Amino acid sequence: MAEDGEGEYDKAIVDIGSSAVKFGLSSQGDFVTEPLLTGGPAGIMKQVPGSSGLEDSYVGQKAADPKTRGLLNLTSPVVRGGCPTAEDFDGLSSILRDSVYAGSQGVKDGENTKFLLTVPTLCPWSHRIQLAKFHFEEYNTPALALFNQAVLSCRATGAYTGVFMDIGHGVTQTVPVFAGYAIPSAMRRTAFGGADLDSHMQRLLMQEGVSFTTTAEMQVVRGIKEEHAFVAADPEQEFATATAPANMTLPDGTSISLTKSRFLVAEPLFNPEIMGRQMPGLQGLITESAFACPMDVRLELMKNIYVSGGTSVMPGLCSRLQSEARKMCDVATVKNSDDENRKNNVWLGGLQMAQMYTEDSQTWITNAEWKDVGENIVFRKGTDRYFDTPASS
């Protein structure tokens, strides 16, 4: 909230992914996570006796609640980093308004809160404009900033040179940074991420004799992947050996034993053609991004590879990624540790940015600019730079 006599405002950092939104105030330094799900009663439930108590619509955590999600037809309003239709953006707005901001006293009075929002690399302009319009017109925020997610992840690591890859639920993106400055022309993005692995896991589980079909059951599949999947150092050797099974109990009490699906699910990350997708794998995306940069910085970039995002915390991913990248460039080095906190790097980078920038920063779109210029102001203020000064050393 505004500080007396100083004209300072609290800043809300809102990291909008494809599966969840992370929200927190800079004054508190912590965040909450809300699922990006909307849902209404599935068609058949309207005919089931006793289902009259269901609400017409559920958003966020209420939609994801295991007690009710089986009765709903679930959808995510954010697909591949954007809202494809006006109806999808209405769903995102409902989650932000009714689930995320409603619980924050600071955001209820939007005039006292600036918003720092995250967007993926090469995010559609329409999505940026929709976000700006929602926050300016509904919350009358004094200022708003739109930051590239991979750039924020870069900021969170404290590194000043390298290729920064964010592997999210719907999008994988890379940003090469040299001496503290991102190189926008070499940024890359593919519409591939954790959601695709969920679909692959669904098929693998079917081969093991377990079928998941409804939207609610896909949430169970995702949970299985997150809890039991890993990346094999050598998939051929892993396939030839007897993989230790992982036993688990499904919500209906059925027990299943997971074997080869535990490591096969991650293979499309390195070879998307397994799923019929004609695009580079993670190692190809990194190399393509680095080699789109000037020749004299390429090796330095490949020696400093950082990964972040929810999918990146899958056990064994960093070491396998380094092994695959070295087949394309023998100096490739993934610098990440096994710290699971890297899945929150985008929000943490946003927190640092929010604390760093002052009111007169050229990064922020002010309410006055929005009213004077209109939505075109979104095109003028860049989001794909790394705003920092390299260490003096």
Protein backbone atom coordinates (compact mmCIF):
# COMPACT_ATOMS: atom_id res chain seq x y z
CA MET A 1 0.00 0.00 0.00
CA ALA A 2 1.03 3.61 -0.45
CA GLU A 3 3.51 4.94 2.03
CA ASP A 4 2.52 8.21 3.69
CA GLY A 5 4.02 11.26 2.07
CA GLU A 6 6.30 9.41 -0.31
CA GLY A 7 3.96 8.43 -3.11
CA GLU A 8 5.31 4.88 -3.04
CA TYR A 9 3.07 1.94 -3.90
CA ASP A 10 3.17 -1.70 -3.07
CA LYS A 11 3.86 -3.92 -6.07
CA ALA A 12 2.02 -7.12 -6.87
CA ILE A 13 4.07 -9.73 -8.75
CA VAL A 14 1.76 -11.92 -10.84
CA ASP A 15 3.37 -14.83 -12.69
CA ILE A 16 0.76 -16.19 -15.11
CA GLY A 17 1.75 -19.58 -16.45
CA SER A 18 -0.25 -22.15 -18.40
CA SER A 19 -1.20 -24.25 -15.37
CA ALA A 20 -1.03 -21.89 -12.39
CA VAL A 21 -0.63 -18.28 -11.34
CA LYS A 22 1.79 -17.26 -8.60
CA PHE A 23 0.89 -14.08 -6.76
CA GLY A 24 2.53 -12.09 -4.00
CA LEU A 25 3.22 -8.54 -2.82
CA SER A 26 6.76 -7.14 -2.84
CA SER A 27 6.25 -5.89 0.72
CA GLN A 28 5.63 -9.46 1.91
CA GLY A 29 8.25 -11.25 -0.20
CA ASP A 30 6.25 -14.47 -0.54
CA PHE A 31 3.64 -15.85 -2.89
CA VAL A 32 0.62 -18.12 -3.14
CA THR A 33 -0.18 -20.43 -6.03
CA GLU A 34 -3.59 -20.73 -7.63
CA PRO A 35 -4.43 -23.37 -10.29
CA LEU A 36 -5.44 -21.94 -13.65
CA LEU A 37 -8.58 -24.03 -13.98
CA THR A 38 -12.20 -23.23 -14.66
CA GLY A 39 -15.04 -25.72 -14.72
CA GLY A 40 -18.74 -26.31 -14.67
CA PRO A 41 -20.80 -29.45 -14.02
CA ALA A 42 -20.10 -32.15 -16.59
CA GLY A 43 -23.08 -32.85 -18.86
CA ILE A 44 -24.02 -36.13 -17.24
CA MET A 45 -23.89 -34.64 -13.72
CA LYS A 46 -26.87 -32.43 -14.54
CA GLN A 47 -28.96 -35.60 -14.67
CA VAL A 48 -27.57 -37.23 -11.52
CA PRO A 49 -29.82 -37.07 -8.42
CA GLY A 50 -28.26 -35.05 -5.63
CA SER A 51 -26.05 -32.99 -7.92
CA SER A 52 -28.29 -29.93 -7.66
CA GLY A 53 -25.92 -28.50 -5.07
CA LEU A 54 -23.24 -27.93 -7.69
CA GLU A 55 -22.50 -24.34 -8.62
CA ASP A 56 -22.71 -23.17 -12.23
CA SER A 57 -18.98 -22.47 -12.36
CA TYR A 58 -15.83 -23.07 -10.36
CA VAL A 59 -12.49 -21.31 -10.69
CA GLY A 60 -8.99 -21.77 -9.30
CA GLN A 61 -8.58 -23.91 -6.22
CA LYS A 62 -12.30 -24.68 -6.03
CA ALA A 63 -12.16 -26.21 -9.50
CA ALA A 64 -9.04 -28.22 -8.62
CA ASP A 65 -10.44 -29.56 -5.33
CA PRO A 66 -10.29 -33.40 -5.49
CA LYS A 67 -13.71 -33.53 -3.79
CA THR A 68 -15.46 -31.80 -6.68
CA ARG A 69 -13.25 -31.92 -9.77
CA GLY A 70 -14.53 -35.38 -10.75
CA LEU A 71 -17.97 -33.85 -11.27
CA LEU A 72 -16.72 -31.03 -13.47
CA ASN A 73 -15.62 -30.45 -17.02
CA LEU A 74 -12.28 -28.68 -16.44
CA THR A 75 -10.50 -26.33 -18.81
CA SER A 76 -7.50 -24.02 -18.57
CA PRO A 77 -8.09 -20.48 -19.86
CA VAL A 78 -4.40 -20.01 -20.69
CA VAL A 79 -3.13 -22.12 -23.59
CA ARG A 80 0.51 -21.93 -24.70
CA GLY A 81 1.06 -18.68 -22.84
CA GLY A 82 -2.04 -16.83 -24.04
CA CYS A 83 -5.84 -16.77 -24.06
CA PRO A 84 -7.02 -17.90 -27.53
CA THR A 85 -10.56 -16.52 -27.18
CA ALA A 86 -12.41 -13.77 -25.35
CA GLU A 87 -14.14 -16.47 -23.32
CA ASP A 88 -10.76 -17.81 -22.21
CA PHE A 89 -9.67 -14.37 -21.06
CA ASP A 90 -12.93 -14.02 -19.14
CA GLY A 91 -11.99 -17.25 -17.37
CA LEU A 92 -8.52 -15.90 -16.55
CA SER A 93 -10.07 -12.65 -15.33
CA SER A 94 -12.41 -14.59 -13.06
CA ILE A 95 -9.52 -16.49 -11.51
CA LEU A 96 -7.53 -13.32 -10.93
CA ARG A 97 -10.50 -11.36 -9.60
CA ASP A 98 -12.33 -13.98 -7.54
CA SER A 99 -9.54 -16.27 -6.35
CA VAL A 100 -6.19 -14.46 -6.48
CA TYR A 101 -6.78 -10.77 -5.82
CA ALA A 102 -9.88 -11.21 -3.66
CA GLY A 103 -7.75 -12.59 -0.83
CA SER A 104 -5.30 -9.69 -0.84
CA GLN A 105 -6.28 -6.57 1.07
CA GLY A 106 -3.71 -4.56 -0.88
CA VAL A 107 -5.16 -5.48 -4.28
CA LYS A 108 -8.77 -4.89 -3.29
CA ASP A 109 -7.85 -1.23 -3.53
CA GLY A 110 -6.05 -1.40 -6.86
CA GLU A 111 -5.26 2.31 -6.85
CA ASN A 112 -2.59 1.61 -4.23
CA THR A 113 -0.99 -1.32 -6.06
CA LYS A 114 1.28 -1.53 -9.09
CA PHE A 115 1.22 -4.80 -11.03
CA LEU A 116 4.26 -6.59 -12.45
CA LEU A 117 2.93 -9.28 -14.79
CA THR A 118 4.90 -11.99 -16.55
CA VAL A 119 4.48 -13.02 -20.19
CA PRO A 120 6.26 -15.71 -22.24
CA THR A 121 8.76 -15.03 -24.99
CA LEU A 122 7.02 -13.90 -28.20
CA CYS A 123 3.77 -13.54 -26.29
CA PRO A 124 0.85 -12.46 -28.55
CA TRP A 125 0.31 -8.71 -28.43
CA SER A 126 -3.41 -9.29 -27.93
CA HIS A 127 -2.71 -11.09 -24.64
CA ARG A 128 -0.51 -8.26 -23.36
CA ILE A 129 -3.18 -5.70 -24.27
CA GLN A 130 -5.91 -7.73 -22.57
CA LEU A 131 -3.87 -7.95 -19.37
CA ALA A 132 -3.14 -4.24 -19.38
CA LYS A 133 -6.75 -3.31 -20.08
CA PHE A 134 -8.04 -5.54 -17.27
CA HIS A 135 -5.72 -4.07 -14.64
CA PHE A 136 -6.06 -0.44 -15.71
CA GLU A 137 -9.80 -0.40 -16.23
CA GLU A 138 -10.97 -2.77 -13.49
CA TYR A 139 -8.41 -2.01 -10.78
CA ASN A 140 -7.35 1.49 -11.85
CA THR A 141 -3.74 0.58 -11.05
CA PRO A 142 -1.30 3.53 -11.11
CA ALA A 143 1.24 1.55 -13.18
CA LEU A 144 1.85 -1.81 -14.78
CA ALA A 145 4.85 -3.66 -16.22
CA LEU A 146 5.00 -6.71 -18.49
CA PHE A 147 8.17 -8.79 -18.15
CA ASN A 148 9.51 -11.70 -20.15
CA GLN A 149 9.39 -14.87 -18.04
CA ALA A 150 12.77 -16.22 -19.11
CA VAL A 151 14.40 -12.83 -18.46
CA LEU A 152 13.02 -12.85 -14.93
CA SER A 153 14.32 -16.38 -14.43
CA CYS A 154 17.71 -15.09 -15.53
CA ARG A 155 17.51 -12.29 -12.99
CA ALA A 156 16.73 -14.75 -10.18
CA THR A 157 19.90 -16.75 -10.77
CA GLY A 158 22.13 -13.69 -10.34
CA ALA A 159 24.08 -14.70 -13.44
CA TYR A 160 25.00 -12.21 -16.17
CA THR A 161 25.92 -14.47 -19.08
CA GLY A 162 24.35 -17.65 -20.38
CA VAL A 163 21.40 -19.27 -22.09
CA PHE A 164 18.39 -19.26 -19.80
CA MET A 165 15.72 -21.86 -20.54
CA ASP A 166 12.32 -21.88 -18.85
CA ILE A 167 10.40 -25.15 -19.27
CA GLY A 168 6.80 -24.47 -18.35
CA HIS A 169 3.49 -26.29 -18.63
CA GLY A 170 2.62 -25.06 -22.11
CA VAL A 171 5.70 -23.26 -23.41
CA THR A 172 9.46 -23.77 -23.43
CA GLN A 173 11.53 -20.64 -24.06
CA THR A 174 15.17 -19.64 -24.20
CA VAL A 175 16.81 -16.24 -23.71
CA PRO A 176 20.56 -15.74 -24.34
CA VAL A 177 22.10 -13.08 -22.10
CA PHE A 178 25.61 -11.69 -22.44
CA ALA A 179 27.18 -9.28 -19.93
CA GLY A 180 23.79 -8.50 -18.44
CA TYR A 181 21.97 -7.79 -21.71
CA ALA A 182 19.48 -10.11 -23.37
CA ILE A 183 19.68 -10.65 -27.13
CA PRO A 184 16.04 -10.48 -28.32
CA SER A 185 16.77 -11.62 -31.87
CA ALA A 186 18.12 -14.93 -30.56
CA MET A 187 15.23 -15.71 -28.19
CA ARG A 188 13.40 -18.91 -29.02
CA ARG A 189 10.08 -20.43 -27.98
CA THR A 190 8.29 -23.70 -28.69
CA ALA A 191 4.73 -24.71 -27.88
CA PHE A 192 5.84 -27.75 -25.90
CA GLY A 193 5.98 -28.37 -22.17
CA GLY A 194 4.58 -30.23 -19.21
CA ALA A 195 1.06 -30.43 -20.67
CA ASP A 196 2.42 -32.48 -23.58
CA LEU A 197 4.17 -34.81 -21.17
CA ASP A 198 0.84 -35.26 -19.38
CA SER A 199 -0.71 -36.45 -22.65
CA HIS A 200 2.25 -38.75 -23.26
CA MET A 201 1.96 -40.14 -19.73
CA GLN A 202 -1.72 -40.84 -20.37
CA ARG A 203 -0.81 -43.02 -23.38
CA LEU A 204 1.98 -44.80 -21.52
CA LEU A 205 -0.31 -45.61 -18.61
CA MET A 206 -2.86 -46.99 -21.03
CA GLN A 207 -0.18 -49.40 -22.26
CA GLU A 208 0.29 -50.46 -18.66
CA GLY A 209 -3.41 -51.22 -18.40
CA VAL A 210 -4.74 -48.06 -16.73
CA SER A 211 -7.06 -45.71 -18.62
CA PHE A 212 -7.59 -42.02 -17.84
CA THR A 213 -10.04 -40.13 -20.01
CA THR A 214 -11.88 -37.26 -18.29
CA THR A 215 -10.49 -33.79 -17.65
CA ALA A 216 -10.47 -34.50 -13.91
CA GLU A 217 -8.56 -37.74 -14.44
CA MET A 218 -5.92 -35.83 -16.38
CA GLN A 219 -5.19 -33.95 -13.15
CA VAL A 220 -4.48 -37.36 -11.59
CA VAL A 221 -2.15 -38.20 -14.50
CA ARG A 222 -0.29 -34.96 -13.93
CA GLY A 223 0.11 -35.81 -10.25
CA ILE A 224 1.51 -39.25 -11.15
CA LYS A 225 4.03 -37.64 -13.49
CA GLU A 226 5.15 -35.04 -10.96
CA GLU A 227 5.54 -37.59 -8.17
CA HIS A 228 7.08 -40.58 -9.94
CA ALA A 229 8.61 -39.56 -13.29
CA PHE A 230 12.35 -39.10 -13.81
CA VAL A 231 14.78 -38.53 -16.67
CA ALA A 232 16.99 -41.50 -17.51
CA ALA A 233 20.69 -40.84 -18.04
CA ASP A 234 20.72 -43.57 -20.70
CA PRO A 235 17.19 -44.48 -21.84
CA GLU A 236 18.30 -47.51 -23.85
CA GLN A 237 20.11 -49.01 -20.88
CA GLU A 238 17.22 -48.10 -18.59
CA PHE A 239 14.79 -49.78 -20.96
CA ALA A 240 16.87 -52.94 -21.07
CA THR A 241 17.06 -53.27 -17.30
CA ALA A 242 14.29 -54.00 -14.86
CA THR A 243 13.19 -50.57 -13.71
CA ALA A 244 12.23 -50.59 -10.06
CA PRO A 245 8.44 -50.29 -9.98
CA ALA A 246 6.70 -47.50 -8.12
CA ASN A 247 3.46 -48.49 -6.44
CA MET A 248 0.68 -46.00 -5.84
CA THR A 249 -3.01 -45.92 -4.98
CA LEU A 250 -5.45 -44.02 -7.17
CA PRO A 251 -8.31 -41.92 -5.75
CA ASP A 252 -10.76 -44.79 -6.28
CA GLY A 253 -8.61 -47.15 -4.21
CA THR A 254 -7.11 -49.01 -7.17
CA SER A 255 -3.43 -49.88 -6.81
CA ILE A 256 -1.14 -49.59 -9.83
CA SER A 257 2.53 -50.35 -10.39
CA LEU A 258 4.51 -47.97 -12.60
CA THR A 259 7.55 -49.27 -14.48
CA LYS A 260 8.93 -48.01 -17.80
CA SER A 261 6.43 -45.18 -18.07
CA ARG A 262 8.32 -43.44 -15.26
CA PHE A 263 11.26 -42.53 -17.52
CA LEU A 264 9.76 -42.87 -21.00
CA VAL A 265 7.45 -39.93 -20.29
CA ALA A 266 10.41 -37.49 -20.32
CA GLU A 267 11.92 -38.62 -23.63
CA PRO A 268 9.86 -36.25 -25.84
CA LEU A 269 11.68 -33.35 -24.19
CA PHE A 270 14.80 -34.40 -26.08
CA ASN A 271 13.07 -35.94 -29.11
CA PRO A 272 9.62 -34.40 -29.75
CA GLU A 273 9.18 -36.60 -32.83
CA ILE A 274 8.20 -39.36 -30.39
CA MET A 275 4.92 -37.46 -30.13
CA GLY A 276 4.82 -36.54 -33.81
CA ARG A 277 6.04 -32.98 -33.21
CA GLN A 278 8.47 -31.56 -35.75
CA MET A 279 10.49 -29.25 -33.56
CA PRO A 280 13.88 -29.24 -31.83
CA GLY A 281 14.32 -30.86 -28.43
CA LEU A 282 15.62 -28.94 -25.43
CA GLN A 283 19.24 -29.38 -26.51
CA GLY A 284 18.45 -28.18 -30.03
CA LEU A 285 16.54 -25.17 -28.78
CA ILE A 286 19.46 -24.09 -26.58
CA THR A 287 22.01 -24.56 -29.37
CA GLU A 288 19.81 -22.77 -31.91
CA SER A 289 19.39 -19.82 -29.54
CA ALA A 290 23.10 -19.58 -28.68
CA PHE A 291 24.26 -19.90 -32.28
CA ALA A 292 21.88 -17.15 -33.39
CA CYS A 293 24.11 -14.80 -31.35
CA PRO A 294 27.36 -13.17 -32.53
CA MET A 295 30.12 -15.70 -33.15
CA ASP A 296 32.47 -14.38 -30.47
CA VAL A 297 30.00 -14.99 -27.60
CA ARG A 298 28.58 -18.38 -28.53
CA LEU A 299 31.00 -20.58 -26.58
CA GLU A 300 30.63 -18.46 -23.45
CA LEU A 301 26.86 -18.81 -23.71
CA MET A 302 27.05 -22.59 -24.13
CA LYS A 303 29.30 -22.86 -21.08
CA ASN A 304 26.58 -21.28 -18.96
CA ILE A 305 23.18 -22.94 -19.40
CA TYR A 306 20.48 -22.42 -16.77
CA VAL A 307 17.09 -24.08 -16.63
CA SER A 308 13.96 -23.18 -14.66
CA GLY A 309 10.24 -23.89 -14.63
CA GLY A 310 8.07 -26.61 -13.15
CA THR A 311 9.05 -29.28 -15.67
CA SER A 312 12.76 -28.62 -15.07
CA VAL A 313 12.64 -30.10 -11.56
CA MET A 314 12.12 -33.61 -12.89
CA PRO A 315 14.96 -35.69 -11.37
CA GLY A 316 17.89 -36.25 -13.70
CA LEU A 317 16.91 -33.56 -16.23
CA CYS A 318 19.95 -31.29 -15.79
CA SER A 319 22.56 -34.02 -16.20
CA ARG A 320 20.75 -35.54 -19.20
CA LEU A 321 20.35 -32.12 -20.82
CA GLN A 322 24.08 -31.49 -20.49
CA SER A 323 24.84 -34.88 -22.01
CA GLU A 324 22.54 -34.24 -24.98
CA ALA A 325 23.78 -30.66 -25.48
CA ARG A 326 27.40 -31.83 -25.57
CA LYS A 327 26.58 -33.96 -28.60
CA MET A 328 26.01 -30.64 -30.39
CA CYS A 329 28.64 -28.51 -28.64
CA ASP A 330 31.31 -30.18 -26.52
CA VAL A 331 31.64 -27.28 -24.07
CA ALA A 332 27.94 -27.17 -23.16
CA THR A 333 27.53 -26.99 -19.38
CA VAL A 334 24.30 -26.87 -17.38
CA LYS A 335 25.05 -24.83 -14.27
CA ASN A 336 21.92 -25.61 -12.25
CA SER A 337 21.99 -27.51 -9.00
CA ASP A 338 19.17 -29.86 -8.05
CA ASP A 339 17.44 -27.10 -6.09
CA GLU A 340 13.70 -27.52 -6.68
CA ASN A 341 13.21 -23.84 -5.94
CA ARG A 342 14.15 -23.09 -9.55
CA LYS A 343 10.54 -23.80 -10.51
CA ASN A 344 9.78 -20.49 -8.79
CA ASN A 345 12.58 -18.53 -10.47
CA VAL A 346 10.24 -16.45 -12.63
CA TRP A 347 8.31 -15.11 -9.64
CA LEU A 348 11.49 -14.60 -7.61
CA GLY A 349 13.03 -12.66 -10.50
CA GLY A 350 9.87 -10.58 -10.66
CA LEU A 351 10.20 -9.81 -6.96
CA GLN A 352 13.77 -8.56 -7.48
CA MET A 353 12.70 -6.44 -10.43
CA ALA A 354 9.78 -4.96 -8.47
CA GLN A 355 12.09 -4.02 -5.61
CA MET A 356 14.69 -2.58 -7.98
CA TYR A 357 12.61 -0.25 -10.12
CA THR A 358 11.42 3.18 -9.09
CA GLU A 359 8.34 5.11 -10.13
CA ASP A 360 10.13 7.00 -12.90
CA SER A 361 11.42 3.82 -14.56
CA GLN A 362 10.74 3.59 -18.29
CA THR A 363 9.65 0.01 -17.72
CA TRP A 364 6.33 0.90 -16.15
CA ILE A 365 3.24 1.90 -18.14
CA THR A 366 1.48 4.56 -16.08
CA ASN A 367 -2.26 5.03 -15.75
CA ALA A 368 -1.93 8.47 -17.33
CA GLU A 369 -0.13 7.00 -20.36
CA TRP A 370 -2.84 4.37 -20.73
CA LYS A 371 -5.55 7.04 -20.73
CA ASP A 372 -3.65 9.37 -23.08
CA VAL A 373 -2.25 6.87 -25.58
CA GLY A 374 -4.51 3.87 -25.19
CA GLU A 375 -3.52 0.27 -25.82
CA ASN A 376 -0.74 1.28 -28.23
CA ILE A 377 1.43 2.16 -25.24
CA VAL A 378 1.94 -1.59 -24.75
CA PHE A 379 3.91 -1.67 -28.01
CA ARG A 380 6.26 1.10 -26.88
CA LYS A 381 7.59 -0.28 -23.62
CA GLY A 382 9.78 -3.34 -24.06
CA THR A 383 9.71 -6.43 -21.90
CA ASP A 384 12.44 -8.57 -23.43
CA ARG A 385 15.53 -6.95 -21.94
CA TYR A 386 17.63 -7.84 -18.93
CA PHE A 387 17.66 -4.65 -16.89
CA ASP A 388 20.74 -4.87 -14.72
CA THR A 389 24.38 -3.86 -14.48
CA PRO A 390 27.04 -6.60 -14.63
CA ALA A 391 29.10 -7.20 -11.54
CA SER A 392 32.18 -5.01 -11.38
CA SER A 393 34.41 -8.03 -11.26
